[in-house]
Amino acid sequence: LYLNLEIKGTKGQVTRAEILQEGLRELLN
């Protein structure tokens, strides 16, 4: 999901979901 989900920001920029990034870090822990 983290690799494939794209979120469009207020300025039109496309990024990945930061909450998933934080979640994966905790899951690794």
mmCIF file of all heavy atoms, coordinates in Angstrom:
data_MODEL
# 
_entry.id   MODEL 
# 
loop_
_atom_site.group_PDB 
_atom_site.id 
_atom_site.type_symbol 
_atom_site.label_atom_id 
_atom_site.label_alt_id 
_atom_site.label_comp_id 
_atom_site.label_asym_id 
_atom_site.label_entity_id 
_atom_site.label_seq_id 
_atom_site.pdbx_PDB_ins_code 
_atom_site.Cartn_x 
_atom_site.Cartn_y 
_atom_site.Cartn_z 
_atom_site.occupancy 
_atom_site.B_iso_or_equiv 
_atom_site.pdbx_formal_charge 
_atom_site.auth_seq_id 
_atom_site.auth_comp_id 
_atom_site.auth_asym_id 
_atom_site.auth_atom_id 
_atom_site.pdbx_PDB_model_num 
ATOM 1   N N   . LEU A 1 1  ? 0.832  -1.201 0.000  1.00 0.00 ? 1  LEU A N   1 
ATOM 2   C CA  . LEU A 1 1  ? 0.000  0.000  0.000  1.00 0.00 ? 1  LEU A CA  1 
ATOM 3   C C   . LEU A 1 1  ? 0.866  1.251  0.000  1.00 0.00 ? 1  LEU A C   1 
ATOM 4   O O   . LEU A 1 1  ? 0.596  2.212  -0.732 1.00 0.00 ? 1  LEU A O   1 
ATOM 5   C CB  . LEU A 1 1  ? -0.916 -0.018 1.228  1.00 0.00 ? 1  LEU A CB  1 
ATOM 6   C CG  . LEU A 1 1  ? -2.019 1.040  1.285  1.00 0.00 ? 1  LEU A CG  1 
ATOM 7   C CD1 . LEU A 1 1  ? -2.970 0.887  0.119  1.00 0.00 ? 1  LEU A CD1 1 
ATOM 8   C CD2 . LEU A 1 1  ? -2.771 0.949  2.606  1.00 0.00 ? 1  LEU A CD2 1 
ATOM 9   N N   . TYR A 1 2  ? 1.926  1.239  0.803  1.00 0.00 ? 2  TYR A N   1 
ATOM 10  C CA  . TYR A 1 2  ? 2.832  2.394  0.881  1.00 0.00 ? 2  TYR A CA  1 
ATOM 11  C C   . TYR A 1 2  ? 3.483  2.662  -0.476 1.00 0.00 ? 2  TYR A C   1 
ATOM 12  O O   . TYR A 1 2  ? 3.622  3.823  -0.891 1.00 0.00 ? 2  TYR A O   1 
ATOM 13  C CB  . TYR A 1 2  ? 3.906  2.147  1.940  1.00 0.00 ? 2  TYR A CB  1 
ATOM 14  C CG  . TYR A 1 2  ? 4.953  3.231  2.015  1.00 0.00 ? 2  TYR A CG  1 
ATOM 15  C CD1 . TYR A 1 2  ? 4.610  4.529  2.406  1.00 0.00 ? 2  TYR A CD1 1 
ATOM 16  C CD2 . TYR A 1 2  ? 6.275  2.973  1.698  1.00 0.00 ? 2  TYR A CD2 1 
ATOM 17  C CE1 . TYR A 1 2  ? 5.567  5.532  2.466  1.00 0.00 ? 2  TYR A CE1 1 
ATOM 18  C CE2 . TYR A 1 2  ? 7.239  3.969  1.766  1.00 0.00 ? 2  TYR A CE2 1 
ATOM 19  C CZ  . TYR A 1 2  ? 6.885  5.246  2.149  1.00 0.00 ? 2  TYR A CZ  1 
ATOM 20  O OH  . TYR A 1 2  ? 7.834  6.232  2.201  1.00 0.00 ? 2  TYR A OH  1 
ATOM 21  N N   . LEU A 1 3  ? 3.854  1.612  -1.183 1.00 0.00 ? 3  LEU A N   1 
ATOM 22  C CA  . LEU A 1 3  ? 4.524  1.783  -2.471 1.00 0.00 ? 3  LEU A CA  1 
ATOM 23  C C   . LEU A 1 3  ? 3.575  2.266  -3.558 1.00 0.00 ? 3  LEU A C   1 
ATOM 24  O O   . LEU A 1 3  ? 3.993  2.971  -4.477 1.00 0.00 ? 3  LEU A O   1 
ATOM 25  C CB  . LEU A 1 3  ? 5.158  0.461  -2.913 1.00 0.00 ? 3  LEU A CB  1 
ATOM 26  C CG  . LEU A 1 3  ? 6.356  -0.038 -2.100 1.00 0.00 ? 3  LEU A CG  1 
ATOM 27  C CD1 . LEU A 1 3  ? 6.837  -1.372 -2.645 1.00 0.00 ? 3  LEU A CD1 1 
ATOM 28  C CD2 . LEU A 1 3  ? 7.491  0.972  -2.113 1.00 0.00 ? 3  LEU A CD2 1 
ATOM 29  N N   . ASN A 1 4  ? 2.308  1.893  -3.472 1.00 0.00 ? 4  ASN A N   1 
ATOM 30  C CA  . ASN A 1 4  ? 1.385  2.158  -4.586 1.00 0.00 ? 4  ASN A CA  1 
ATOM 31  C C   . ASN A 1 4  ? 0.389  3.281  -4.353 1.00 0.00 ? 4  ASN A C   1 
ATOM 32  O O   . ASN A 1 4  ? -0.186 3.796  -5.302 1.00 0.00 ? 4  ASN A O   1 
ATOM 33  C CB  . ASN A 1 4  ? 0.619  0.870  -4.915 1.00 0.00 ? 4  ASN A CB  1 
ATOM 34  C CG  . ASN A 1 4  ? 1.508  -0.192 -5.526 1.00 0.00 ? 4  ASN A CG  1 
ATOM 35  O OD1 . ASN A 1 4  ? 1.879  -0.093 -6.675 1.00 0.00 ? 4  ASN A OD1 1 
ATOM 36  N ND2 . ASN A 1 4  ? 1.867  -1.187 -4.736 1.00 0.00 ? 4  ASN A ND2 1 
ATOM 37  N N   . LEU A 1 5  ? 0.167  3.659  -3.076 1.00 0.00 ? 5  LEU A N   1 
ATOM 38  C CA  . LEU A 1 5  ? -0.798 4.723  -2.791 1.00 0.00 ? 5  LEU A CA  1 
ATOM 39  C C   . LEU A 1 5  ? -0.148 6.090  -2.951 1.00 0.00 ? 5  LEU A C   1 
ATOM 40  O O   . LEU A 1 5  ? 0.896  6.365  -2.357 1.00 0.00 ? 5  LEU A O   1 
ATOM 41  C CB  . LEU A 1 5  ? -1.330 4.561  -1.367 1.00 0.00 ? 5  LEU A CB  1 
ATOM 42  C CG  . LEU A 1 5  ? -2.318 5.628  -0.883 1.00 0.00 ? 5  LEU A CG  1 
ATOM 43  C CD1 . LEU A 1 5  ? -3.598 5.578  -1.694 1.00 0.00 ? 5  LEU A CD1 1 
ATOM 44  C CD2 . LEU A 1 5  ? -2.610 5.459  0.595  1.00 0.00 ? 5  LEU A CD2 1 
ATOM 45  N N   . GLU A 1 6  ? -0.742 6.942  -3.758 1.00 0.00 ? 6  GLU A N   1 
ATOM 46  C CA  . GLU A 1 6  ? -0.227 8.299  -3.957 1.00 0.00 ? 6  GLU A CA  1 
ATOM 47  C C   . GLU A 1 6  ? -1.233 9.313  -3.432 1.00 0.00 ? 6  GLU A C   1 
ATOM 48  O O   . GLU A 1 6  ? -2.436 9.184  -3.666 1.00 0.00 ? 6  GLU A O   1 
ATOM 49  C CB  . GLU A 1 6  ? 0.062  8.552  -5.437 1.00 0.00 ? 6  GLU A CB  1 
ATOM 50  C CG  . GLU A 1 6  ? 1.196  7.713  -5.989 1.00 0.00 ? 6  GLU A CG  1 
ATOM 51  C CD  . GLU A 1 6  ? 1.481  8.023  -7.438 1.00 0.00 ? 6  GLU A CD  1 
ATOM 52  O OE1 . GLU A 1 6  ? 0.574  8.532  -8.137 1.00 0.00 ? 6  GLU A OE1 1 
ATOM 53  O OE2 . GLU A 1 6  ? 2.607  7.771  -7.893 1.00 0.00 ? 6  GLU A OE2 1 
ATOM 54  N N   . ILE A 1 7  ? -0.735 10.320 -2.742 1.00 0.00 ? 7  ILE A N   1 
ATOM 55  C CA  . ILE A 1 7  ? -1.593 11.358 -2.168 1.00 0.00 ? 7  ILE A CA  1 
ATOM 56  C C   . ILE A 1 7  ? -1.209 12.712 -2.766 1.00 0.00 ? 7  ILE A C   1 
ATOM 57  O O   . ILE A 1 7  ? -0.033 13.087 -2.761 1.00 0.00 ? 7  ILE A O   1 
ATOM 58  C CB  . ILE A 1 7  ? -1.435 11.407 -0.630 1.00 0.00 ? 7  ILE A CB  1 
ATOM 59  C CG1 . ILE A 1 7  ? -1.887 10.075 -0.025 1.00 0.00 ? 7  ILE A CG1 1 
ATOM 60  C CG2 . ILE A 1 7  ? -2.228 12.561 -0.038 1.00 0.00 ? 7  ILE A CG2 1 
ATOM 61  C CD1 . ILE A 1 7  ? -1.720 9.994  1.461  1.00 0.00 ? 7  ILE A CD1 1 
ATOM 62  N N   . LYS A 1 8  ? -2.197 13.419 -3.268 1.00 0.00 ? 8  LYS A N   1 
ATOM 63  C CA  . LYS A 1 8  ? -1.934 14.724 -3.877 1.00 0.00 ? 8  LYS A CA  1 
ATOM 64  C C   . LYS A 1 8  ? -2.043 15.811 -2.810 1.00 0.00 ? 8  LYS A C   1 
ATOM 65  O O   . LYS A 1 8  ? -3.036 15.914 -2.105 1.00 0.00 ? 8  LYS A O   1 
ATOM 66  C CB  . LYS A 1 8  ? -2.914 14.995 -5.014 1.00 0.00 ? 8  LYS A CB  1 
ATOM 67  C CG  . LYS A 1 8  ? -2.660 16.309 -5.745 1.00 0.00 ? 8  LYS A CG  1 
ATOM 68  C CD  . LYS A 1 8  ? -3.551 16.457 -6.966 1.00 0.00 ? 8  LYS A CD  1 
ATOM 69  C CE  . LYS A 1 8  ? -3.141 15.505 -8.067 1.00 0.00 ? 8  LYS A CE  1 
ATOM 70  N NZ  . LYS A 1 8  ? -3.894 15.761 -9.334 1.00 0.00 ? 8  LYS A NZ  1 
ATOM 71  N N   . GLY A 1 9  ? -0.984 16.615 -2.689 1.00 0.00 ? 9  GLY A N   1 
ATOM 72  C CA  . GLY A 1 9  ? -0.958 17.679 -1.699 1.00 0.00 ? 9  GLY A CA  1 
ATOM 73  C C   . GLY A 1 9  ? -1.739 18.893 -2.142 1.00 0.00 ? 9  GLY A C   1 
ATOM 74  O O   . GLY A 1 9  ? -2.273 18.960 -3.253 1.00 0.00 ? 9  GLY A O   1 
ATOM 75  N N   . THR A 1 10 ? -1.798 19.905 -1.283 1.00 0.00 ? 10 THR A N   1 
ATOM 76  C CA  . THR A 1 10 ? -2.565 21.120 -1.587 1.00 0.00 ? 10 THR A CA  1 
ATOM 77  C C   . THR A 1 10 ? -1.986 21.883 -2.774 1.00 0.00 ? 10 THR A C   1 
ATOM 78  O O   . THR A 1 10 ? -2.697 22.592 -3.466 1.00 0.00 ? 10 THR A O   1 
ATOM 79  C CB  . THR A 1 10 ? -2.582 22.039 -0.351 1.00 0.00 ? 10 THR A CB  1 
ATOM 80  O OG1 . THR A 1 10 ? -1.233 22.282 0.074  1.00 0.00 ? 10 THR A OG1 1 
ATOM 81  C CG2 . THR A 1 10 ? -3.356 21.389 0.783  1.00 0.00 ? 10 THR A CG2 1 
ATOM 82  N N   . LYS A 1 11 ? -0.693 21.737 -2.999 1.00 0.00 ? 11 LYS A N   1 
ATOM 83  C CA  . LYS A 1 11 ? -0.042 22.433 -4.128 1.00 0.00 ? 11 LYS A CA  1 
ATOM 84  C C   . LYS A 1 11 ? 0.064  21.550 -5.366 1.00 0.00 ? 11 LYS A C   1 
ATOM 85  O O   . LYS A 1 11 ? 0.766  21.897 -6.311 1.00 0.00 ? 11 LYS A O   1 
ATOM 86  C CB  . LYS A 1 11 ? 1.351  22.894 -3.706 1.00 0.00 ? 11 LYS A CB  1 
ATOM 87  C CG  . LYS A 1 11 ? 1.335  23.897 -2.553 1.00 0.00 ? 11 LYS A CG  1 
ATOM 88  C CD  . LYS A 1 11 ? 2.754  24.324 -2.183 1.00 0.00 ? 11 LYS A CD  1 
ATOM 89  C CE  . LYS A 1 11 ? 2.744  25.316 -1.019 1.00 0.00 ? 11 LYS A CE  1 
ATOM 90  N NZ  . LYS A 1 11 ? 4.116  25.731 -0.631 1.00 0.00 ? 11 LYS A NZ  1 
ATOM 91  N N   . GLY A 1 12 ? -0.616 20.414 -5.348 1.00 0.00 ? 12 GLY A N   1 
ATOM 92  C CA  . GLY A 1 12 ? -0.623 19.546 -6.513 1.00 0.00 ? 12 GLY A CA  1 
ATOM 93  C C   . GLY A 1 12 ? 0.495  18.513 -6.533 1.00 0.00 ? 12 GLY A C   1 
ATOM 94  O O   . GLY A 1 12 ? 0.546  17.674 -7.431 1.00 0.00 ? 12 GLY A O   1 
ATOM 95  N N   . GLN A 1 13 ? 1.396  18.585 -5.539 1.00 0.00 ? 13 GLN A N   1 
ATOM 96  C CA  . GLN A 1 13 ? 2.492  17.622 -5.514 1.00 0.00 ? 13 GLN A CA  1 
ATOM 97  C C   . GLN A 1 13 ? 1.980  16.252 -5.074 1.00 0.00 ? 13 GLN A C   1 
ATOM 98  O O   . GLN A 1 13 ? 1.061  16.150 -4.286 1.00 0.00 ? 13 GLN A O   1 
ATOM 99  C CB  . GLN A 1 13 ? 3.626  18.098 -4.596 1.00 0.00 ? 13 GLN A CB  1 
ATOM 100 C CG  . GLN A 1 13 ? 3.344  17.972 -3.100 1.00 0.00 ? 13 GLN A CG  1 
ATOM 101 C CD  . GLN A 1 13 ? 2.539  19.129 -2.531 1.00 0.00 ? 13 GLN A CD  1 
ATOM 102 O OE1 . GLN A 1 13 ? 1.863  19.830 -3.270 1.00 0.00 ? 13 GLN A OE1 1 
ATOM 103 N NE2 . GLN A 1 13 ? 2.616  19.318 -1.220 1.00 0.00 ? 13 GLN A NE2 1 
ATOM 104 N N   . VAL A 1 14 ? 2.585  15.201 -5.624 1.00 0.00 ? 14 VAL A N   1 
ATOM 105 C CA  . VAL A 1 14 ? 2.173  13.835 -5.314 1.00 0.00 ? 14 VAL A CA  1 
ATOM 106 C C   . VAL A 1 14 ? 3.204  13.198 -4.391 1.00 0.00 ? 14 VAL A C   1 
ATOM 107 O O   . VAL A 1 14 ? 4.396  13.211 -4.676 1.00 0.00 ? 14 VAL A O   1 
ATOM 108 C CB  . VAL A 1 14 ? 2.025  12.997 -6.602 1.00 0.00 ? 14 VAL A CB  1 
ATOM 109 C CG1 . VAL A 1 14 ? 1.697  11.547 -6.267 1.00 0.00 ? 14 VAL A CG1 1 
ATOM 110 C CG2 . VAL A 1 14 ? 0.941  13.583 -7.488 1.00 0.00 ? 14 VAL A CG2 1 
ATOM 111 N N   . THR A 1 15 ? 2.734  12.677 -3.269 1.00 0.00 ? 15 THR A N   1 
ATOM 112 C CA  . THR A 1 15 ? 3.634  12.056 -2.299 1.00 0.00 ? 15 THR A CA  1 
ATOM 113 C C   . THR A 1 15 ? 3.050  10.726 -1.826 1.00 0.00 ? 15 THR A C   1 
ATOM 114 O O   . THR A 1 15 ? 1.901  10.403 -2.117 1.00 0.00 ? 15 THR A O   1 
ATOM 115 C CB  . THR A 1 15 ? 3.841  12.963 -1.071 1.00 0.00 ? 15 THR A CB  1 
ATOM 116 O OG1 . THR A 1 15 ? 2.557  13.178 -0.441 1.00 0.00 ? 15 THR A OG1 1 
ATOM 117 C CG2 . THR A 1 15 ? 4.432  14.297 -1.467 1.00 0.00 ? 15 THR A CG2 1 
ATOM 118 N N   . ARG A 1 16 ? 3.857  9.984  -1.087 1.00 0.00 ? 16 ARG A N   1 
ATOM 119 C CA  . ARG A 1 16 ? 3.365  8.766  -0.456 1.00 0.00 ? 16 ARG A CA  1 
ATOM 120 C C   . ARG A 1 16 ? 2.811  9.109  0.926  1.00 0.00 ? 16 ARG A C   1 
ATOM 121 O O   . ARG A 1 16 ? 3.096  10.158 1.472  1.00 0.00 ? 16 ARG A O   1 
ATOM 122 C CB  . ARG A 1 16 ? 4.492  7.735  -0.334 1.00 0.00 ? 16 ARG A CB  1 
ATOM 123 C CG  . ARG A 1 16 ? 4.901  7.120  -1.668 1.00 0.00 ? 16 ARG A CG  1 
ATOM 124 C CD  . ARG A 1 16 ? 5.863  5.958  -1.456 1.00 0.00 ? 16 ARG A CD  1 
ATOM 125 N NE  . ARG A 1 16 ? 6.087  5.228  -2.701 1.00 0.00 ? 16 ARG A NE  1 
ATOM 126 C CZ  . ARG A 1 16 ? 7.045  5.535  -3.564 1.00 0.00 ? 16 ARG A CZ  1 
ATOM 127 N NH1 . ARG A 1 16 ? 7.861  6.533  -3.319 1.00 0.00 ? 16 ARG A NH1 1 
ATOM 128 N NH2 . ARG A 1 16 ? 7.185  4.838  -4.682 1.00 0.00 ? 16 ARG A NH2 1 
ATOM 129 N N   . ALA A 1 17 ? 2.035  8.178  1.465  1.00 0.00 ? 17 ALA A N   1 
ATOM 130 C CA  . ALA A 1 17 ? 1.383  8.414  2.750  1.00 0.00 ? 17 ALA A CA  1 
ATOM 131 C C   . ALA A 1 17 ? 2.406  8.342  3.884  1.00 0.00 ? 17 ALA A C   1 
ATOM 132 O O   . ALA A 1 17 ? 2.959  7.281  4.164  1.00 0.00 ? 17 ALA A O   1 
ATOM 133 C CB  . ALA A 1 17 ? 0.276  7.387  2.973  1.00 0.00 ? 17 ALA A CB  1 
ATOM 134 N N   . GLU A 1 18 ? 2.639  9.481  4.528  1.00 0.00 ? 18 GLU A N   1 
ATOM 135 C CA  . GLU A 1 18 ? 3.642  9.534  5.594  1.00 0.00 ? 18 GLU A CA  1 
ATOM 136 C C   . GLU A 1 18 ? 3.238  8.673  6.787  1.00 0.00 ? 18 GLU A C   1 
ATOM 137 O O   . GLU A 1 18 ? 4.091  8.090  7.470  1.00 0.00 ? 18 GLU A O   1 
ATOM 138 C CB  . GLU A 1 18 ? 3.862  10.976 6.037  1.00 0.00 ? 18 GLU A CB  1 
ATOM 139 C CG  . GLU A 1 18 ? 5.032  11.153 6.978  1.00 0.00 ? 18 GLU A CG  1 
ATOM 140 C CD  . GLU A 1 18 ? 5.412  12.613 7.156  1.00 0.00 ? 18 GLU A CD  1 
ATOM 141 O OE1 . GLU A 1 18 ? 5.313  13.382 6.190  1.00 0.00 ? 18 GLU A OE1 1 
ATOM 142 O OE2 . GLU A 1 18 ? 5.820  12.974 8.277  1.00 0.00 ? 18 GLU A OE2 1 
ATOM 143 N N   . ILE A 1 19 ? 1.949  8.552  7.027  1.00 0.00 ? 19 ILE A N   1 
ATOM 144 C CA  . ILE A 1 19 ? 1.502  7.754  8.167  1.00 0.00 ? 19 ILE A CA  1 
ATOM 145 C C   . ILE A 1 19 ? 1.857  6.280  7.984  1.00 0.00 ? 19 ILE A C   1 
ATOM 146 O O   . ILE A 1 19 ? 2.167  5.565  8.938  1.00 0.00 ? 19 ILE A O   1 
ATOM 147 C CB  . ILE A 1 19 ? -0.024 7.920  8.392  1.00 0.00 ? 19 ILE A CB  1 
ATOM 148 C CG1 . ILE A 1 19 ? -0.423 7.275  9.725  1.00 0.00 ? 19 ILE A CG1 1 
ATOM 149 C CG2 . ILE A 1 19 ? -0.821 7.338  7.239  1.00 0.00 ? 19 ILE A CG2 1 
ATOM 150 C CD1 . ILE A 1 19 ? -1.838 7.577  10.139 1.00 0.00 ? 19 ILE A CD1 1 
ATOM 151 N N   . LEU A 1 20 ? 1.857  5.821  6.724  1.00 0.00 ? 20 LEU A N   1 
ATOM 152 C CA  . LEU A 1 20 ? 2.248  4.439  6.452  1.00 0.00 ? 20 LEU A CA  1 
ATOM 153 C C   . LEU A 1 20 ? 3.754  4.266  6.630  1.00 0.00 ? 20 LEU A C   1 
ATOM 154 O O   . LEU A 1 20 ? 4.215  3.225  7.103  1.00 0.00 ? 20 LEU A O   1 
ATOM 155 C CB  . LEU A 1 20 ? 1.842  4.045  5.033  1.00 0.00 ? 20 LEU A CB  1 
ATOM 156 C CG  . LEU A 1 20 ? 0.341  3.931  4.775  1.00 0.00 ? 20 LEU A CG  1 
ATOM 157 C CD1 . LEU A 1 20 ? 0.074  3.578  3.322  1.00 0.00 ? 20 LEU A CD1 1 
ATOM 158 C CD2 . LEU A 1 20 ? -0.275 2.879  5.684  1.00 0.00 ? 20 LEU A CD2 1 
ATOM 159 N N   . GLN A 1 21 ? 4.500  5.305  6.262  1.00 0.00 ? 21 GLN A N   1 
ATOM 160 C CA  . GLN A 1 21 ? 5.952  5.276  6.463  1.00 0.00 ? 21 GLN A CA  1 
ATOM 161 C C   . GLN A 1 21 ? 6.289  5.121  7.947  1.00 0.00 ? 21 GLN A C   1 
ATOM 162 O O   . GLN A 1 21 ? 7.134  4.298  8.330  1.00 0.00 ? 21 GLN A O   1 
ATOM 163 C CB  . GLN A 1 21 ? 6.560  6.569  5.906  1.00 0.00 ? 21 GLN A CB  1 
ATOM 164 C CG  . GLN A 1 21 ? 8.040  6.736  6.093  1.00 0.00 ? 21 GLN A CG  1 
ATOM 165 C CD  . GLN A 1 21 ? 8.467  8.167  5.806  1.00 0.00 ? 21 GLN A CD  1 
ATOM 166 O OE1 . GLN A 1 21 ? 9.056  8.832  6.639  1.00 0.00 ? 21 GLN A OE1 1 
ATOM 167 N NE2 . GLN A 1 21 ? 8.146  8.662  4.624  1.00 0.00 ? 21 GLN A NE2 1 
ATOM 168 N N   . GLU A 1 22 ? 5.602  5.887  8.778  1.00 0.00 ? 22 GLU A N   1 
ATOM 169 C CA  . GLU A 1 22 ? 5.818  5.792  10.230 1.00 0.00 ? 22 GLU A CA  1 
ATOM 170 C C   . GLU A 1 22 ? 5.364  4.432  10.759 1.00 0.00 ? 22 GLU A C   1 
ATOM 171 O O   . GLU A 1 22 ? 5.990  3.849  11.649 1.00 0.00 ? 22 GLU A O   1 
ATOM 172 C CB  . GLU A 1 22 ? 5.060  6.921  10.933 1.00 0.00 ? 22 GLU A CB  1 
ATOM 173 C CG  . GLU A 1 22 ? 5.566  8.310  10.567 1.00 0.00 ? 22 GLU A CG  1 
ATOM 174 C CD  . GLU A 1 22 ? 4.659  9.418  11.084 1.00 0.00 ? 22 GLU A CD  1 
ATOM 175 O OE1 . GLU A 1 22 ? 3.619  9.079  11.691 1.00 0.00 ? 22 GLU A OE1 1 
ATOM 176 O OE2 . GLU A 1 22 ? 4.973  10.588 10.864 1.00 0.00 ? 22 GLU A OE2 1 
ATOM 177 N N   . GLY A 1 23 ? 4.266  3.923  10.202 1.00 0.00 ? 23 GLY A N   1 
ATOM 178 C CA  . GLY A 1 23 ? 3.759  2.628  10.627 1.00 0.00 ? 23 GLY A CA  1 
ATOM 179 C C   . GLY A 1 23 ? 4.728  1.499  10.301 1.00 0.00 ? 23 GLY A C   1 
ATOM 180 O O   . GLY A 1 23 ? 4.964  0.610  11.124 1.00 0.00 ? 23 GLY A O   1 
ATOM 181 N N   . LEU A 1 24 ? 5.321  1.545  9.103  1.00 0.00 ? 24 LEU A N   1 
ATOM 182 C CA  . LEU A 1 24 ? 6.270  0.502  8.711  1.00 0.00 ? 24 LEU A CA  1 
ATOM 183 C C   . LEU A 1 24 ? 7.524  0.542  9.588  1.00 0.00 ? 24 LEU A C   1 
ATOM 184 O O   . LEU A 1 24 ? 8.093  -0.501 9.913  1.00 0.00 ? 24 LEU A O   1 
ATOM 185 C CB  . LEU A 1 24 ? 6.652  0.675  7.234  1.00 0.00 ? 24 LEU A CB  1 
ATOM 186 C CG  . LEU A 1 24 ? 5.529  0.375  6.227  1.00 0.00 ? 24 LEU A CG  1 
ATOM 187 C CD1 . LEU A 1 24 ? 5.968  0.722  4.813  1.00 0.00 ? 24 LEU A CD1 1 
ATOM 188 C CD2 . LEU A 1 24 ? 5.124  -1.094 6.304  1.00 0.00 ? 24 LEU A CD2 1 
ATOM 189 N N   . ARG A 1 25 ? 7.917  1.739  9.975  1.00 0.00 ? 25 ARG A N   1 
ATOM 190 C CA  . ARG A 1 25 ? 9.087  1.855  10.868 1.00 0.00 ? 25 ARG A CA  1 
ATOM 191 C C   . ARG A 1 25 ? 8.793  1.171  12.205 1.00 0.00 ? 25 ARG A C   1 
ATOM 192 O O   . ARG A 1 25 ? 9.635  0.441  12.745 1.00 0.00 ? 25 ARG A O   1 
ATOM 193 C CB  . ARG A 1 25 ? 9.413  3.340  11.091 1.00 0.00 ? 25 ARG A CB  1 
ATOM 194 C CG  . ARG A 1 25 ? 10.564 3.584  12.075 1.00 0.00 ? 25 ARG A CG  1 
ATOM 195 C CD  . ARG A 1 25 ? 11.884 3.131  11.476 1.00 0.00 ? 25 ARG A CD  1 
ATOM 196 N NE  . ARG A 1 25 ? 13.023 3.526  12.274 1.00 0.00 ? 25 ARG A NE  1 
ATOM 197 C CZ  . ARG A 1 25 ? 13.605 2.743  13.180 1.00 0.00 ? 25 ARG A CZ  1 
ATOM 198 N NH1 . ARG A 1 25 ? 13.123 1.532  13.419 1.00 0.00 ? 25 ARG A NH1 1 
ATOM 199 N NH2 . ARG A 1 25 ? 14.669 3.155  13.835 1.00 0.00 ? 25 ARG A NH2 1 
ATOM 200 N N   . GLU A 1 26 ? 7.603  1.389  12.736 1.00 0.00 ? 26 GLU A N   1 
ATOM 201 C CA  . GLU A 1 26 ? 7.233  0.785  14.008 1.00 0.00 ? 26 GLU A CA  1 
ATOM 202 C C   . GLU A 1 26 ? 7.069  -0.730 13.869 1.00 0.00 ? 26 GLU A C   1 
ATOM 203 O O   . GLU A 1 26 ? 7.427  -1.493 14.767 1.00 0.00 ? 26 GLU A O   1 
ATOM 204 C CB  . GLU A 1 26 ? 5.939  1.410  14.530 1.00 0.00 ? 26 GLU A CB  1 
ATOM 205 C CG  . GLU A 1 26 ? 5.422  0.822  15.831 1.00 0.00 ? 26 GLU A CG  1 
ATOM 206 C CD  . GLU A 1 26 ? 6.435  0.893  16.968 1.00 0.00 ? 26 GLU A CD  1 
ATOM 207 O OE1 . GLU A 1 26 ? 7.272  1.836  16.986 1.00 0.00 ? 26 GLU A OE1 1 
ATOM 208 O OE2 . GLU A 1 26 ? 6.413  -0.011 17.835 1.00 0.00 ? 26 GLU A OE2 1 
ATOM 209 N N   . LEU A 1 27 ? 6.543  -1.189 12.745 1.00 0.00 ? 27 LEU A N   1 
ATOM 210 C CA  . LEU A 1 27 ? 6.391  -2.623 12.521 1.00 0.00 ? 27 LEU A CA  1 
ATOM 211 C C   . LEU A 1 27 ? 7.751  -3.310 12.441 1.00 0.00 ? 27 LEU A C   1 
ATOM 212 O O   . LEU A 1 27 ? 7.918  -4.438 12.918 1.00 0.00 ? 27 LEU A O   1 
ATOM 213 C CB  . LEU A 1 27 ? 5.584  -2.874 11.245 1.00 0.00 ? 27 LEU A CB  1 
ATOM 214 C CG  . LEU A 1 27 ? 4.100  -2.488 11.322 1.00 0.00 ? 27 LEU A CG  1 
ATOM 215 C CD1 . LEU A 1 27 ? 3.438  -2.606 9.964  1.00 0.00 ? 27 LEU A CD1 1 
ATOM 216 C CD2 . LEU A 1 27 ? 3.370  -3.349 12.349 1.00 0.00 ? 27 LEU A CD2 1 
ATOM 217 N N   . LEU A 1 28 ? 8.729  -2.640 11.849 1.00 0.00 ? 28 LEU A N   1 
ATOM 218 C CA  . LEU A 1 28 ? 10.092 -3.183 11.833 1.00 0.00 ? 28 LEU A CA  1 
ATOM 219 C C   . LEU A 1 28 ? 10.632 -3.308 13.254 1.00 0.00 ? 28 LEU A C   1 
ATOM 220 O O   . LEU A 1 28 ? 11.283 -4.302 13.600 1.00 0.00 ? 28 LEU A O   1 
ATOM 221 C CB  . LEU A 1 28 ? 11.018 -2.295 10.988 1.00 0.00 ? 28 LEU A CB  1 
ATOM 222 C CG  . LEU A 1 28 ? 10.956 -2.507 9.470  1.00 0.00 ? 28 LEU A CG  1 
ATOM 223 C CD1 . LEU A 1 28 ? 11.671 -1.382 8.740  1.00 0.00 ? 28 LEU A CD1 1 
ATOM 224 C CD2 . LEU A 1 28 ? 11.564 -3.857 9.095  1.00 0.00 ? 28 LEU A CD2 1 
ATOM 225 N N   . ASN A 1 29 ? 10.360 -2.300 14.082 1.00 0.00 ? 29 ASN A N   1 
ATOM 226 C CA  . ASN A 1 29 ? 10.786 -2.362 15.478 1.00 0.00 ? 29 ASN A CA  1 
ATOM 227 C C   . ASN A 1 29 ? 10.202 -3.585 16.181 1.00 0.00 ? 29 ASN A C   1 
ATOM 228 O O   . ASN A 1 29 ? 10.899 -4.288 16.923 1.00 0.00 ? 29 ASN A O   1 
ATOM 229 C CB  . ASN A 1 29 ? 10.350 -1.097 16.232 1.00 0.00 ? 29 ASN A CB  1 
ATOM 230 C CG  . ASN A 1 29 ? 11.250 0.085  15.930 1.00 0.00 ? 29 ASN A CG  1 
ATOM 231 O OD1 . ASN A 1 29 ? 12.389 -0.082 15.520 1.00 0.00 ? 29 ASN A OD1 1 
ATOM 232 N ND2 . ASN A 1 29 ? 10.728 1.286  16.130 1.00 0.00 ? 29 ASN A ND2 1 
# 
